[in-house]
């Protein structure tokens, strides 16, 4: 059991050599834009393959530099909430 946990921590999930979350965000943004441009301007979809591949190469480069970028993005999303201070002071004090 311990070996499975260590393997998951040491090897974060990847999609085509890119980190999971940035790669899914890339596809989730690029494909709707591509389909909107296809429907409105009747553009050849091969034009968008360059931007999709370029975005994926950037995701691979970021993942090579920081392999746990997906976990960092998820942790930031959970902790980026602003707190309401009870006392009039500058900044977040996290006081109950």
Protein backbone atom coordinates (compact mmCIF):
# COMPACT_ATOMS: atom_id res chain seq x y z
CA UNK A 1 0.00 0.00 0.00
CA UNK A 2 2.79 2.42 0.87
CA UNK A 3 4.42 1.86 -2.51
CA UNK A 4 1.27 2.99 -4.35
CA UNK A 5 1.14 6.25 -2.37
CA UNK A 6 4.80 7.01 -3.02
CA UNK A 7 4.39 6.27 -6.71
CA UNK A 8 1.42 8.67 -6.99
CA UNK A 9 3.33 11.44 -5.23
CA UNK A 10 6.55 10.90 -7.16
CA UNK A 11 4.85 10.56 -10.56
CA UNK A 12 1.97 13.03 -10.95
CA UNK A 13 -0.55 12.22 -13.73
CA UNK A 14 0.32 13.34 -17.25
CA UNK A 15 -1.46 13.52 -20.60
CA UNK A 16 0.89 13.16 -23.59
CA UNK A 17 3.92 14.16 -21.45
CA UNK A 18 2.19 17.30 -20.14
CA UNK A 19 0.85 17.86 -16.60
CA UNK A 20 -2.80 16.89 -16.27
CA UNK A 21 -4.52 20.12 -15.21
CA UNK A 22 -2.71 22.63 -17.50
CA UNK A 23 -3.15 20.27 -20.45
CA UNK A 24 -6.88 19.90 -19.78
CA UNK A 25 -7.19 23.68 -19.35
CA UNK A 26 -5.40 24.17 -22.68
CA UNK A 27 -7.77 21.81 -24.46
CA UNK A 28 -10.79 23.20 -22.61
CA UNK A 29 -10.01 26.71 -23.86
CA UNK A 30 -8.62 25.96 -27.32
CA UNK A 31 -11.32 23.59 -28.60
CA UNK A 32 -14.34 25.82 -27.88
CA UNK A 33 -12.56 28.79 -29.48
CA UNK A 34 -11.75 26.63 -32.49
CA UNK A 35 -15.36 25.47 -32.87
CA UNK A 36 -16.69 29.03 -32.47
CA UNK A 37 -14.36 30.29 -35.20
CA UNK A 38 -15.28 27.31 -37.41
CA UNK A 39 -18.98 28.10 -37.05
CA UNK A 40 -18.79 31.86 -37.43
CA UNK A 41 -15.95 32.43 -39.92
CA UNK A 42 -15.73 28.99 -41.62
CA UNK A 43 -11.95 28.80 -41.07
CA UNK A 44 -9.91 25.67 -41.78
CA UNK A 45 -9.34 23.77 -38.49
CA UNK A 46 -5.70 23.08 -39.40
CA UNK A 47 -4.97 26.72 -38.53
CA UNK A 48 -5.89 25.98 -34.92
CA UNK A 49 -3.76 22.84 -34.73
CA UNK A 50 -0.69 25.11 -34.53
CA UNK A 51 -2.02 26.95 -31.47
CA UNK A 52 -3.14 23.71 -29.81
CA UNK A 53 0.28 22.10 -30.33
CA UNK A 54 2.07 25.28 -29.23
CA UNK A 55 -0.03 25.43 -26.05
CA UNK A 56 0.71 21.78 -25.36
CA UNK A 57 4.44 22.30 -25.86
CA UNK A 58 4.30 25.16 -23.36
CA UNK A 59 2.43 22.88 -20.92
CA UNK A 60 5.13 20.23 -21.36
CA UNK A 61 7.86 22.83 -20.69
CA UNK A 62 6.09 24.04 -17.54
CA UNK A 63 5.58 20.44 -16.41
CA UNK A 64 9.26 19.65 -16.96
CA UNK A 65 10.26 22.60 -14.79
CA UNK A 66 7.63 21.99 -12.08
CA UNK A 67 6.17 18.44 -12.20
CA UNK A 68 3.60 19.12 -9.46
CA UNK A 69 2.03 22.17 -11.13
CA UNK A 70 -1.41 20.50 -11.15
CA UNK A 71 -1.35 20.07 -7.38
CA UNK A 72 -0.12 23.64 -6.97
CA UNK A 73 -3.00 25.01 -9.06
CA UNK A 74 -5.53 22.97 -7.07
CA UNK A 75 -4.05 24.10 -3.75
CA UNK A 76 -4.11 27.74 -4.86
CA UNK A 77 -7.76 27.43 -5.83
CA UNK A 78 -8.64 26.16 -2.36
CA UNK A 79 -6.61 28.77 -0.43
CA UNK A 80 -7.14 31.88 -2.56
CA UNK A 81 -10.34 32.81 -0.75
CA UNK A 82 -10.30 36.18 0.96
CA UNK A 83 -10.94 36.31 4.66
CA UNK A 84 -12.97 38.92 6.51
CA UNK A 85 -11.08 40.47 9.38
CA UNK A 86 -12.91 41.15 12.61
CA UNK A 87 -10.39 43.82 13.55
CA UNK A 88 -9.63 46.90 11.44
CA UNK A 89 -6.11 46.08 10.32
CA UNK A 90 -4.40 45.99 6.99
CA UNK A 91 -4.12 42.57 5.32
CA UNK A 92 -5.57 39.16 6.09
CA UNK A 93 -5.12 38.12 9.71
CA UNK A 94 -7.16 34.88 9.63
CA UNK A 95 -8.54 35.63 13.08
CA UNK A 96 -11.84 33.89 13.90
